[in-house]
Amino acid sequence: MNFLETLWLYLTFIVSLLSPFEPKRPSFKIAPGLRHFLHGLLMLIILVVLWYLNERFKIYEEIPNPQWAAHFWLPIIFILLYALAVTGW
């Protein structure tokens, strides 16, 4: 396999971890417990990065109301979009 094929394989594996459903491709079959753990870990990493970006770029200053959600604006939006995507799947 060349470099681009290997990179594509790893990227599709990571994207398949974002889905809470089992992938149809047999090359991505892993134990269900490990899959759920990696899914949760990836979601946690994404939420922490979004929180950091929210703080780094001071997005909370642009959101006057609701004040309780200003520091968690990007993670909240991600969770809502994720819930919509899972529900619509």
C-alpha atoms as a PDB file:
ATOM      1  CA  MET A   1       0.000   0.000   0.000  1.00  0.00           C
ATOM      2  CA  ASN A   2       1.236   3.437  -0.736  1.00  0.00           C
ATOM      3  CA  PHE A   3       1.168   6.361   1.653  1.00  0.00           C
ATOM      4  CA  LEU A   4      -2.128   7.884   0.489  1.00  0.00           C
ATOM      5  CA  GLU A   5      -4.011   4.589   0.717  1.00  0.00           C
ATOM      6  CA  THR A   6      -2.738   4.042   4.251  1.00  0.00           C
ATOM      7  CA  LEU A   7      -3.650   7.599   5.229  1.00  0.00           C
ATOM      8  CA  TRP A   8      -7.138   7.141   3.749  1.00  0.00           C
ATOM      9  CA  LEU A   9      -7.583   3.890   5.669  1.00  0.00           C
ATOM     10  CA  TYR A  10      -6.686   5.531   8.986  1.00  0.00           C
ATOM     11  CA  LEU A  11      -8.894   8.562   8.305  1.00  0.00           C
ATOM     12  CA  THR A  12     -11.908   6.414   7.455  1.00  0.00           C
ATOM     13  CA  PHE A  13     -11.315   4.366  10.607  1.00  0.00           C
ATOM     14  CA  ILE A  14     -11.301   7.503  12.765  1.00  0.00           C
ATOM     15  CA  VAL A  15     -14.428   8.819  11.072  1.00  0.00           C
ATOM     16  CA  SER A  16     -16.120   5.454  11.592  1.00  0.00           C
ATOM     17  CA  LEU A  17     -15.404   5.814  15.319  1.00  0.00           C
ATOM     18  CA  LEU A  18     -17.500   8.989  15.359  1.00  0.00           C
ATOM     19  CA  SER A  19     -20.538   6.941  14.423  1.00  0.00           C
ATOM     20  CA  PRO A  20     -22.107   5.158  17.384  1.00  0.00           C
ATOM     21  CA  PHE A  21     -23.237   2.397  15.016  1.00  0.00           C
ATOM     22  CA  GLU A  22     -21.230  -0.595  13.914  1.00  0.00           C
ATOM     23  CA  PRO A  23     -19.543  -0.121  10.524  1.00  0.00           C
ATOM     24  CA  LYS A  24     -20.464  -2.326   7.591  1.00  0.00           C
ATOM     25  CA  ARG A  25     -16.882  -2.752   6.400  1.00  0.00           C
ATOM     26  CA  PRO A  26     -15.280  -5.899   7.827  1.00  0.00           C
ATOM     27  CA  SER A  27     -11.860  -4.261   8.023  1.00  0.00           C
ATOM     28  CA  PHE A  28     -13.133  -2.026  10.852  1.00  0.00           C
ATOM     29  CA  LYS A  29     -14.507  -4.802  13.036  1.00  0.00           C
ATOM     30  CA  ILE A  30     -13.226  -4.451  16.585  1.00  0.00           C
ATOM     31  CA  ALA A  31     -14.597  -5.600  19.919  1.00  0.00           C
ATOM     32  CA  PRO A  32     -17.777  -3.701  20.886  1.00  0.00           C
ATOM     33  CA  GLY A  33     -16.392  -2.645  24.267  1.00  0.00           C
ATOM     34  CA  LEU A  34     -13.230  -1.248  22.706  1.00  0.00           C
ATOM     35  CA  ARG A  35     -15.268   0.475  20.003  1.00  0.00           C
ATOM     36  CA  HIS A  36     -17.507   2.186  22.582  1.00  0.00           C
ATOM     37  CA  PHE A  37     -14.480   3.197  24.649  1.00  0.00           C
ATOM     38  CA  LEU A  38     -12.714   4.695  21.604  1.00  0.00           C
ATOM     39  CA  HIS A  39     -15.936   6.431  20.554  1.00  0.00           C
ATOM     40  CA  GLY A  40     -16.294   7.994  24.008  1.00  0.00           C
ATOM     41  CA  LEU A  41     -12.626   8.976  24.092  1.00  0.00           C
ATOM     42  CA  LEU A  42     -12.857  10.612  20.663  1.00  0.00           C
ATOM     43  CA  MET A  43     -16.005  12.504  21.668  1.00  0.00           C
ATOM     44  CA  LEU A  44     -14.300  13.701  24.854  1.00  0.00           C
ATOM     45  CA  ILE A  45     -11.264  14.892  22.896  1.00  0.00           C
ATOM     46  CA  ILE A  46     -13.484  16.778  20.441  1.00  0.00           C
ATOM     47  CA  LEU A  47     -15.410  18.451  23.275  1.00  0.00           C
ATOM     48  CA  VAL A  48     -12.219  19.498  25.070  1.00  0.00           C
ATOM     49  CA  VAL A  49     -10.748  20.931  21.856  1.00  0.00           C
ATOM     50  CA  LEU A  50     -13.964  22.863  21.175  1.00  0.00           C
ATOM     51  CA  TRP A  51     -13.967  24.204  24.729  1.00  0.00           C
ATOM     52  CA  TYR A  52     -10.328  25.275  24.313  1.00  0.00           C
ATOM     53  CA  LEU A  53     -11.127  27.023  21.023  1.00  0.00           C
ATOM     54  CA  ASN A  54     -14.081  28.735  22.688  1.00  0.00           C
ATOM     55  CA  GLU A  55     -11.790  30.072  25.414  1.00  0.00           C
ATOM     56  CA  ARG A  56      -8.833  30.811  23.144  1.00  0.00           C
ATOM     57  CA  PHE A  57     -10.780  32.969  20.701  1.00  0.00           C
ATOM     58  CA  LYS A  58     -12.992  34.495  23.419  1.00  0.00           C
ATOM     59  CA  ILE A  59     -16.239  33.503  21.756  1.00  0.00           C
ATOM     60  CA  TYR A  60     -17.981  33.934  25.102  1.00  0.00           C
ATOM     61  CA  GLU A  61     -17.622  37.715  24.756  1.00  0.00           C
ATOM     62  CA  GLU A  62     -19.812  37.635  21.653  1.00  0.00           C
ATOM     63  CA  ILE A  63     -22.617  35.691  23.358  1.00  0.00           C
ATOM     64  CA  PRO A  64     -24.404  37.898  25.906  1.00  0.00           C
ATOM     65  CA  ASN A  65     -27.255  35.530  26.752  1.00  0.00           C
ATOM     66  CA  PRO A  66     -27.577  32.946  28.178  1.00  0.00           C
ATOM     67  CA  GLN A  67     -24.628  33.753  30.382  1.00  0.00           C
ATOM     68  CA  TRP A  68     -24.344  30.205  31.795  1.00  0.00           C
ATOM     69  CA  ALA A  69     -23.766  28.786  28.299  1.00  0.00           C
ATOM     70  CA  ALA A  70     -21.317  31.391  27.022  1.00  0.00           C
ATOM     71  CA  HIS A  71     -18.162  29.500  28.056  1.00  0.00           C
ATOM     72  CA  PHE A  72     -19.460  26.215  26.623  1.00  0.00           C
ATOM     73  CA  TRP A  73     -21.018  27.478  23.402  1.00  0.00           C
ATOM     74  CA  LEU A  74     -19.050  25.412  20.871  1.00  0.00           C
ATOM     75  CA  PRO A  75     -19.297  22.124  22.812  1.00  0.00           C
ATOM     76  CA  ILE A  76     -23.057  22.640  23.269  1.00  0.00           C
ATOM     77  CA  ILE A  77     -23.528  23.240  19.546  1.00  0.00           C
ATOM     78  CA  PHE A  78     -21.477  20.142  18.754  1.00  0.00           C
ATOM     79  CA  ILE A  79     -23.513  17.982  21.138  1.00  0.00           C
ATOM     80  CA  LEU A  80     -26.768  19.246  19.621  1.00  0.00           C
ATOM     81  CA  LEU A  81     -25.565  18.604  16.061  1.00  0.00           C
ATOM     82  CA  TYR A  82     -24.277  15.181  17.075  1.00  0.00           C
ATOM     83  CA  ALA A  83     -27.626  14.307  18.657  1.00  0.00           C
ATOM     84  CA  LEU A  84     -29.417  15.419  15.481  1.00  0.00           C
ATOM     85  CA  ALA A  85     -27.097  13.333  13.321  1.00  0.00           C
ATOM     86  CA  VAL A  86     -27.532  10.216  15.451  1.00  0.00           C
ATOM     87  CA  THR A  87     -31.296  10.667  15.585  1.00  0.00           C
ATOM     88  CA  GLY A  88     -31.511  11.204  11.845  1.00  0.00           C
ATOM     89  CA  TRP A  89     -29.312   8.234  11.035  1.00  0.00           C
END
